[in-house]
C-alpha atoms as a PDB file:
ATOM      1  CA  MET A   1      67.515 140.393  11.793  1.00  0.00           C
ATOM      2  CA  SER A   2      68.972 143.646  12.991  1.00  0.00           C
ATOM      3  CA  VAL A   3      71.570 145.356  10.809  1.00  0.00           C
ATOM      4  CA  LEU A   4      73.681 145.565  13.966  1.00  0.00           C
ATOM      5  CA  PRO A   5      75.487 142.695  15.695  1.00  0.00           C
ATOM      6  CA  GLY A   6      73.902 140.834  18.564  1.00  0.00           C
ATOM      7  CA  GLY A   7      70.297 141.444  17.607  1.00  0.00           C
ATOM      8  CA  VAL A   8      70.205 145.041  18.846  1.00  0.00           C
ATOM      9  CA  SER A   9      68.581 148.077  17.284  1.00  0.00           C
ATOM     10  CA  VAL A  10      69.508 151.750  17.437  1.00  0.00           C
ATOM     11  CA  SER A  11      67.684 155.006  16.921  1.00  0.00           C
ATOM     12  CA  HIS A  12      68.702 158.652  17.167  1.00  0.00           C
ATOM     13  CA  LEU A  13      66.510 160.438  19.727  1.00  0.00           C
ATOM     14  CA  ARG A  14      65.837 164.142  20.060  1.00  0.00           C
ATOM     15  CA  VAL A  15      63.971 164.469  23.335  1.00  0.00           C
ATOM     16  CA  TYR A  16      60.720 166.423  23.156  1.00  0.00           C
ATOM     17  CA  ASP A  17      60.979 170.133  23.854  1.00  0.00           C
ATOM     18  CA  TRP A  18      57.321 170.327  24.877  1.00  0.00           C
ATOM     19  CA  PRO A  19      56.874 171.600  28.449  1.00  0.00           C
ATOM     20  CA  ALA A  20      55.631 168.793  30.666  1.00  0.00           C
ATOM     21  CA  VAL A  21      52.410 169.071  32.637  1.00  0.00           C
ATOM     22  CA  ASP A  22      54.310 168.412  35.875  1.00  0.00           C
ATOM     23  CA  GLY A  23      56.949 171.047  35.123  1.00  0.00           C
ATOM     24  CA  VAL A  24      59.823 168.546  34.925  1.00  0.00           C
ATOM     25  CA  GLY A  25      62.655 169.589  32.610  1.00  0.00           C
ATOM     26  CA  VAL A  26      63.840 173.065  31.715  1.00  0.00           C
ATOM     27  CA  VAL A  27      62.681 172.504  28.133  1.00  0.00           C
ATOM     28  CA  GLY A  28      60.447 169.434  28.293  1.00  0.00           C
ATOM     29  CA  SER A  29      60.440 165.683  28.667  1.00  0.00           C
ATOM     30  CA  GLY A  30      59.421 162.387  27.175  1.00  0.00           C
ATOM     31  CA  ALA A  31      56.720 159.979  28.262  1.00  0.00           C
ATOM     32  CA  PRO A  32      57.492 157.691  31.203  1.00  0.00           C
ATOM     33  CA  HIS A  33      57.284 154.045  30.150  1.00  0.00           C
ATOM     34  CA  LEU A  34      58.809 150.619  30.668  1.00  0.00           C
ATOM     35  CA  HIS A  35      59.701 147.681  28.467  1.00  0.00           C
ATOM     36  CA  VAL A  36      58.500 144.218  29.392  1.00  0.00           C
ATOM     37  CA  ALA A  37      61.041 142.166  27.408  1.00  0.00           C
ATOM     38  CA  SER A  38      63.926 144.363  26.278  1.00  0.00           C
ATOM     39  CA  SER A  39      66.760 146.197  27.980  1.00  0.00           C
ATOM     40  CA  GLU A  40      67.673 149.674  26.759  1.00  0.00           C
ATOM     41  CA  ALA A  41      70.509 152.179  27.012  1.00  0.00           C
ATOM     42  CA  TYR A  42      70.800 155.879  26.246  1.00  0.00           C
ATOM     43  CA  LEU A  43      74.179 157.042  24.962  1.00  0.00           C
ATOM     44  CA  VAL A  44      73.966 160.834  25.174  1.00  0.00           C
ATOM     45  CA  LEU A  45      75.350 162.628  22.128  1.00  0.00           C
ATOM     46  CA  ALA A  46      74.537 166.274  22.827  1.00  0.00           C
ATOM     47  CA  GLY A  47      72.742 168.670  25.142  1.00  0.00           C
ATOM     48  CA  SER A  48      71.938 168.331  28.816  1.00  0.00           C
ATOM     49  CA  GLY A  49      69.259 166.813  30.979  1.00  0.00           C
ATOM     50  CA  ALA A  50      68.529 163.694  32.960  1.00  0.00           C
ATOM     51  CA  VAL A  51      67.087 160.233  32.810  1.00  0.00           C
ATOM     52  CA  HIS A  52      64.585 159.525  35.581  1.00  0.00           C
ATOM     53  CA  THR A  53      64.148 155.868  36.512  1.00  0.00           C
ATOM     54  CA  LEU A  54      61.707 154.139  38.841  1.00  0.00           C
ATOM     55  CA  GLY A  55      62.114 150.506  39.789  1.00  0.00           C
ATOM     56  CA  PRO A  56      61.785 148.187  42.785  1.00  0.00           C
ATOM     57  CA  SER A  57      64.616 150.115  44.487  1.00  0.00           C
ATOM     58  CA  GLY A  58      62.794 153.434  44.060  1.00  0.00           C
ATOM     59  CA  PHE A  59      63.235 156.661  42.113  1.00  0.00           C
ATOM     60  CA  HIS A  60      66.592 157.847  40.787  1.00  0.00           C
ATOM     61  CA  GLU A  61      67.668 160.884  38.778  1.00  0.00           C
ATOM     62  CA  HIS A  62      70.668 160.354  36.499  1.00  0.00           C
ATOM     63  CA  ARG A  63      72.132 163.643  35.269  1.00  0.00           C
ATOM     64  CA  VAL A  64      73.484 163.267  31.745  1.00  0.00           C
ATOM     65  CA  GLY A  65      75.531 165.093  29.138  1.00  0.00           C
ATOM     66  CA  PRO A  66      77.594 164.107  26.096  1.00  0.00           C
ATOM     67  CA  GLY A  67      79.247 160.747  26.691  1.00  0.00           C
ATOM     68  CA  SER A  68      76.878 159.614  29.465  1.00  0.00           C
ATOM     69  CA  ILE A  69      75.313 156.162  29.272  1.00  0.00           C
ATOM     70  CA  VAL A  70      72.288 155.049  31.290  1.00  0.00           C
ATOM     71  CA  ARG A  71      71.062 151.461  30.926  1.00  0.00           C
ATOM     72  CA  PHE A  72      67.827 150.032  32.316  1.00  0.00           C
ATOM     73  CA  ASP A  73      66.472 146.498  32.474  1.00  0.00           C
ATOM     74  CA  PRO A  74      62.967 145.372  31.523  1.00  0.00           C
ATOM     75  CA  GLY A  75      60.430 146.553  34.076  1.00  0.00           C
ATOM     76  CA  VAL A  76      62.193 149.815  34.980  1.00  0.00           C
ATOM     77  CA  VAL A  77      60.129 152.933  34.262  1.00  0.00           C
ATOM     78  CA  HIS A  78      62.256 155.573  32.559  1.00  0.00           C
ATOM     79  CA  ARG A  79      61.759 159.123  31.331  1.00  0.00           C
ATOM     80  CA  ALA A  80      64.099 161.364  29.347  1.00  0.00           C
ATOM     81  CA  VAL A  81      64.206 164.923  30.720  1.00  0.00           C
ATOM     82  CA  ASN A  82      65.363 167.699  28.391  1.00  0.00           C
ATOM     83  CA  ASP A  83      67.192 170.660  29.894  1.00  0.00           C
ATOM     84  CA  GLY A  84      68.457 171.823  26.509  1.00  0.00           C
ATOM     85  CA  ASP A  85      68.941 170.157  23.086  1.00  0.00           C
ATOM     86  CA  LEU A  86      69.172 166.659  24.573  1.00  0.00           C
ATOM     87  CA  GLU A  87      69.997 164.001  21.970  1.00  0.00           C
ATOM     88  CA  ALA A  88      70.902 160.363  22.484  1.00  0.00           C
ATOM     89  CA  LEU A  89      71.624 157.186  20.604  1.00  0.00           C
ATOM     90  CA  VAL A  90      69.114 154.645  21.907  1.00  0.00           C
ATOM     91  CA  VAL A  91      70.286 151.029  21.904  1.00  0.00           C
ATOM     92  CA  MET A  92      67.652 148.320  22.398  1.00  0.00           C
ATOM     93  CA  SER A  93      68.046 144.587  22.840  1.00  0.00           C
ATOM     94  CA  ASN A  94      65.770 142.169  20.984  1.00  0.00           C
ATOM     95  CA  ALA A  95      65.478 144.174  17.783  1.00  0.00           C
ATOM     96  CA  GLY A  96      61.889 144.010  16.604  1.00  0.00           C
ATOM     97  CA  LEU A  97      60.214 143.407  19.961  1.00  0.00           C
ATOM     98  CA  PRO A  98      60.189 147.057  21.105  1.00  0.00           C
ATOM     99  CA  GLU A  99      58.549 147.968  17.790  1.00  0.00           C
ATOM    100  CA  ALA A 100      56.073 145.100  18.242  1.00  0.00           C
ATOM    101  CA  GLY A 101      54.677 146.598  21.436  1.00  0.00           C
ATOM    102  CA  ASP A 102      56.841 145.623  24.397  1.00  0.00           C
ATOM    103  CA  ALA A 103      56.730 149.225  25.693  1.00  0.00           C
ATOM    104  CA  VAL A 104      54.007 150.058  28.229  1.00  0.00           C
ATOM    105  CA  LEU A 105      53.284 153.691  29.029  1.00  0.00           C
ATOM    106  CA  THR A 106      52.478 154.754  32.590  1.00  0.00           C
ATOM    107  CA  PHE A 107      48.940 155.870  31.884  1.00  0.00           C
ATOM    108  CA  PRO A 108      46.568 156.216  34.862  1.00  0.00           C
ATOM    109  CA  ARG A 109      45.761 152.897  36.491  1.00  0.00           C
ATOM    110  CA  ALA A 110      42.210 152.773  35.107  1.00  0.00           C
ATOM    111  CA  VAL A 111      43.549 153.087  31.554  1.00  0.00           C
ATOM    112  CA  VAL A 112      46.320 150.505  31.971  1.00  0.00           C
ATOM    113  CA  ALA A 113      43.757 148.071  33.431  1.00  0.00           C
ATOM    114  CA  ASP A 114      41.556 148.296  30.309  1.00  0.00           C
ATOM    115  CA  PRO A 115      43.243 146.900  27.145  1.00  0.00           C
ATOM    116  CA  ALA A 116      40.875 148.696  24.773  1.00  0.00           C
ATOM    117  CA  ALA A 117      41.288 152.028  26.561  1.00  0.00           C
ATOM    118  CA  TYR A 118      45.051 151.542  26.679  1.00  0.00           C
ATOM    119  CA  ARG A 119      45.296 150.850  22.928  1.00  0.00           C
ATOM    120  CA  ALA A 120      43.157 153.880  22.144  1.00  0.00           C
ATOM    121  CA  ALA A 121      45.362 156.127  24.277  1.00  0.00           C
ATOM    122  CA  ALA A 122      48.691 154.681  23.082  1.00  0.00           C
ATOM    123  CA  THR A 123      48.061 154.479  19.329  1.00  0.00           C
ATOM    124  CA  LEU A 124      49.000 157.466  17.177  1.00  0.00           C
ATOM    125  CA  PRO A 125      47.162 158.348  13.947  1.00  0.00           C
ATOM    126  CA  GLY A 126      48.205 156.395  10.870  1.00  0.00           C
ATOM    127  CA  PRO A 127      50.130 157.222   7.693  1.00  0.00           C
ATOM    128  CA  GLY A 128      49.073 160.345   5.843  1.00  0.00           C
ATOM    129  CA  THR A 129      48.143 162.247   8.983  1.00  0.00           C
ATOM    130  CA  PRO A 130      49.408 165.858   8.899  1.00  0.00           C
ATOM    131  CA  ASP A 131      52.422 166.422  11.118  1.00  0.00           C
ATOM    132  CA  ASP A 132      50.684 168.941  13.363  1.00  0.00           C
ATOM    133  CA  GLU A 133      47.975 166.373  14.137  1.00  0.00           C
ATOM    134  CA  LEU A 134      50.586 163.697  14.824  1.00  0.00           C
ATOM    135  CA  ALA A 135      52.462 166.059  17.128  1.00  0.00           C
ATOM    136  CA  ALA A 136      49.290 166.925  19.033  1.00  0.00           C
ATOM    137  CA  ALA A 137      48.413 163.250  19.467  1.00  0.00           C
ATOM    138  CA  ALA A 138      51.949 162.401  20.637  1.00  0.00           C
ATOM    139  CA  ARG A 139      51.833 165.254  23.119  1.00  0.00           C
ATOM    140  CA  ARG A 140      48.455 164.111  24.502  1.00  0.00           C
ATOM    141  CA  ARG A 141      49.886 160.620  24.879  1.00  0.00           C
ATOM    142  CA  ARG A 142      52.935 161.975  26.704  1.00  0.00           C
ATOM    143  CA  ASP A 143      50.792 164.097  29.016  1.00  0.00           C
ATOM    144  CA  LEU A 144      48.537 161.156  29.890  1.00  0.00           C
ATOM    145  CA  ALA A 145      51.612 159.044  30.694  1.00  0.00           C
ATOM    146  CA  VAL A 146      52.911 161.812  32.968  1.00  0.00           C
ATOM    147  CA  GLU A 147      49.519 161.987  34.688  1.00  0.00           C
ATOM    148  CA  GLY A 148      49.672 158.269  35.442  1.00  0.00           C
ATOM    149  CA  TYR A 149      53.318 158.560  36.454  1.00  0.00           C
ATOM    150  CA  ARG A 150      52.394 161.148  39.085  1.00  0.00           C
ATOM    151  CA  GLU A 151      49.811 158.694  40.429  1.00  0.00           C
ATOM    152  CA  LEU A 152      52.494 155.997  40.480  1.00  0.00           C
ATOM    153  CA  LEU A 153      54.943 158.210  42.394  1.00  0.00           C
ATOM    154  CA  ALA A 154      52.222 158.953  44.956  1.00  0.00           C
ATOM    155  CA  GLU A 155      51.613 155.209  45.287  1.00  0.00           C
ATOM    156  CA  VAL A 156      55.336 154.673  45.809  1.00  0.00           C
ATOM    157  CA  GLU A 157      55.218 157.175  48.676  1.00  0.00           C
ATOM    158  CA  ARG A 158      52.219 155.377  50.170  1.00  0.00           C
ATOM    159  CA  VAL A 159      53.161 151.696  49.913  1.00  0.00           C
ATOM    160  CA  GLY A 160      56.813 151.688  48.847  1.00  0.00           C
ATOM    161  CA  PRO A 161      58.398 151.099  45.446  1.00  0.00           C
ATOM    162  CA  ALA A 162      58.274 147.301  45.440  1.00  0.00           C
ATOM    163  CA  ALA A 163      54.513 147.086  46.010  1.00  0.00           C
ATOM    164  CA  ALA A 164      53.691 149.989  43.687  1.00  0.00           C
ATOM    165  CA  MET A 165      55.836 148.587  40.873  1.00  0.00           C
ATOM    166  CA  ARG A 166      54.404 145.091  41.356  1.00  0.00           C
ATOM    167  CA  ALA A 167      50.919 146.377  40.585  1.00  0.00           C
ATOM    168  CA  LEU A 168      52.155 148.154  37.438  1.00  0.00           C
ATOM    169  CA  HIS A 169      54.102 145.092  36.308  1.00  0.00           C
ATOM    170  CA  ASP A 170      51.062 142.848  36.735  1.00  0.00           C
ATOM    171  CA  ALA A 171      48.976 145.219  34.619  1.00  0.00           C
ATOM    172  CA  ALA A 172      51.711 145.443  31.962  1.00  0.00           C
ATOM    173  CA  VAL A 173      51.903 141.655  31.669  1.00  0.00           C
ATOM    174  CA  ARG A 174      48.143 141.427  31.177  1.00  0.00           C
ATOM    175  CA  LEU A 175      48.351 144.018  28.406  1.00  0.00           C
ATOM    176  CA  VAL A 176      51.094 142.323  26.377  1.00  0.00           C
ATOM    177  CA  ARG A 177      50.399 138.646  27.040  1.00  0.00           C
ATOM    178  CA  PRO A 178      48.324 138.054  23.864  1.00  0.00           C
ATOM    179  CA  ALA A 179      51.264 139.197  21.713  1.00  0.00           C
ATOM    180  CA  VAL A 180      53.942 137.088  23.401  1.00  0.00           C
ATOM    181  CA  PRO A 181      53.665 133.963  21.167  1.00  0.00           C
ATOM    182  CA  HIS A 182      54.337 136.184  18.144  1.00  0.00           C
ATOM    183  CA  TRP A 183      57.299 137.759  19.966  1.00  0.00           C
ATOM    184  CA  GLN A 184      58.700 134.323  20.809  1.00  0.00           C
ATOM    185  CA  ASP A 185      58.573 133.322  17.155  1.00  0.00           C
ATOM    186  CA  ARG A 186      60.246 136.535  16.024  1.00  0.00           C
ATOM    187  CA  TRP A 187      62.937 136.333  18.719  1.00  0.00           C
ATOM    188  CA  THR A 188      63.698 132.693  17.883  1.00  0.00           C
ATOM    189  CA  ARG A 189      64.142 133.494  14.195  1.00  0.00           C
ATOM    190  CA  THR A 190      66.365 136.525  14.813  1.00  0.00           C
ATOM    191  CA  VAL A 191      68.127 137.099  18.130  1.00  0.00           C
ATOM    192  CA  LEU A 192      68.333 133.433  19.152  1.00  0.00           C
ATOM    193  CA  ALA A 193      69.451 132.439  15.652  1.00  0.00           C
ATOM    194  CA  GLU A 194      72.345 134.896  15.889  1.00  0.00           C
ATOM    195  CA  THR A 195      73.288 133.629  19.345  1.00  0.00           C
ATOM    196  CA  ASP A 196      73.171 130.040  18.106  1.00  0.00           C
ATOM    197  CA  ALA A 197      75.422 130.954  15.182  1.00  0.00           C
ATOM    198  CA  SER A 198      77.992 132.388  17.604  1.00  0.00           C
ATOM    199  CA  ALA A 199      77.839 129.244  19.728  1.00  0.00           C
ATOM    200  CA  LEU A 200      78.480 127.030  16.690  1.00  0.00           C
ATOM    201  CA  LEU A 201      81.355 129.259  15.578  1.00  0.00           C
ATOM    202  CA  LEU A 202      83.031 129.053  19.001  1.00  0.00           C
ATOM    203  CA  GLU A 203      82.535 125.298  19.107  1.00  0.00           C
ATOM    204  CA  GLY A 204      84.225 124.990  15.716  1.00  0.00           C
ATOM    205  CA  LEU A 205      87.106 127.232  16.720  1.00  0.00           C
ATOM    206  CA  ALA A 206      87.629 125.178  19.886  1.00  0.00           C
ATOM    207  CA  ARG A 207      87.976 122.051  17.681  1.00  0.00           C
ATOM    208  CA  GLY A 208      90.323 123.842  15.296  1.00  0.00           C
ATOM    209  CA  VAL A 209      87.793 123.922  12.471  1.00  0.00           C
ATOM    210  CA  VAL A 210      87.942 126.899  10.130  1.00  0.00           C
ATOM    211  CA  PRO A 211      84.595 128.771  10.369  1.00  0.00           C
ATOM    212  CA  GLY A 212      82.516 129.405   7.291  1.00  0.00           C
ATOM    213  CA  PHE A 213      84.214 132.673   6.443  1.00  0.00           C
ATOM    214  CA  GLY A 214      83.656 131.979   2.766  1.00  0.00           C
ATOM    215  CA  SER A 215      79.991 132.854   3.142  1.00  0.00           C
ATOM    216  CA  ALA A 216      80.564 135.992   5.250  1.00  0.00           C
ATOM    217  CA  ARG A 217      78.576 138.988   4.073  1.00  0.00           C
ATOM    218  CA  VAL A 218      78.427 142.727   4.567  1.00  0.00           C
ATOM    219  CA  THR A 219      75.227 144.668   5.253  1.00  0.00           C
ATOM    220  CA  ALA A 220      74.822 148.419   4.812  1.00  0.00           C
ATOM    221  CA  ALA A 221      71.825 150.644   5.478  1.00  0.00           C
ATOM    222  CA  GLN A 222      70.842 154.285   5.539  1.00  0.00           C
ATOM    223  CA  ALA A 223      68.512 155.847   8.082  1.00  0.00           C
ATOM    224  CA  GLU A 224      64.903 155.833   6.977  1.00  0.00           C
ATOM    225  CA  PRO A 225      64.181 158.936   4.893  1.00  0.00           C
ATOM    226  CA  GLY A 226      61.574 161.543   5.681  1.00  0.00           C
ATOM    227  CA  ALA A 227      60.390 163.113   8.892  1.00  0.00           C
ATOM    228  CA  ARG A 228      61.434 161.652  12.215  1.00  0.00           C
ATOM    229  CA  ARG A 229      58.959 159.360  13.960  1.00  0.00           C
ATOM    230  CA  TYR A 230      57.138 160.413  17.104  1.00  0.00           C
ATOM    231  CA  GLY A 231      58.449 158.063  19.785  1.00  0.00           C
ATOM    232  CA  MET A 232      57.796 157.704  23.488  1.00  0.00           C
ATOM    233  CA  CYS A 233      60.409 160.263  24.531  1.00  0.00           C
ATOM    234  CA  GLY A 234      61.013 162.329  21.417  1.00  0.00           C
ATOM    235  CA  ARG A 235      61.503 162.438  17.673  1.00  0.00           C
ATOM    236  CA  LEU A 236      63.321 159.386  16.325  1.00  0.00           C
ATOM    237  CA  ARG A 237      65.456 158.671  13.296  1.00  0.00           C
ATOM    238  CA  VAL A 238      65.555 154.925  12.788  1.00  0.00           C
ATOM    239  CA  TRP A 239      67.356 152.380  10.635  1.00  0.00           C
ATOM    240  CA  PRO A 240      65.615 149.564   8.773  1.00  0.00           C
ATOM    241  CA  SER A 241      66.166 145.919   9.601  1.00  0.00           C
ATOM    242  CA  ALA A 242      68.189 143.866   7.142  1.00  0.00           C
END
């Protein structure tokens, strides 16, 4: 269960300041990717930049600064673009599923079509790896996603956004399908359980029954210690689940 209400998760993102291979961003950018099951929102805390999105309606650039919010549904490709010290609070639905692999990077089509090749390209080195090696691997992953994203944009120009995105979505579903039964179990035990609890509470209130406030609890947590994680779009500080 997420520490936060409603089965959401949050992380503090500092968008990569690595120059992108396609020259996008004054400072740098993250890796274009989509989520197959979870919606996401960026609440910008500091700096300047943009969020680029690509969906069935086409490409859009959303300029952002402190106080901006950009939300995207599952299936929308998004990329954080850093024009200077861009930081955001990232809010995800379905806490646990994004971490379980519901994000699909826009690698070149040949890579996305091959599950083994995709896993090899998407997986970063494990615990104990020196930070400079982790950073290099994350940067290679980002650059490969940008390479595939450029192919995708060219395909959008050729056949239109709906057809181009349909092909990517089909490939993404094939990649994640083996994990979905595990996701369903996790979601049922966490997010759905919290929704069901709210439904029961409202039903009781409607009948004039005092809810079970006697068993109400408080949960507190600190951000995970140590170095920030290397995420899709930047360095992340995350909070543990309860």
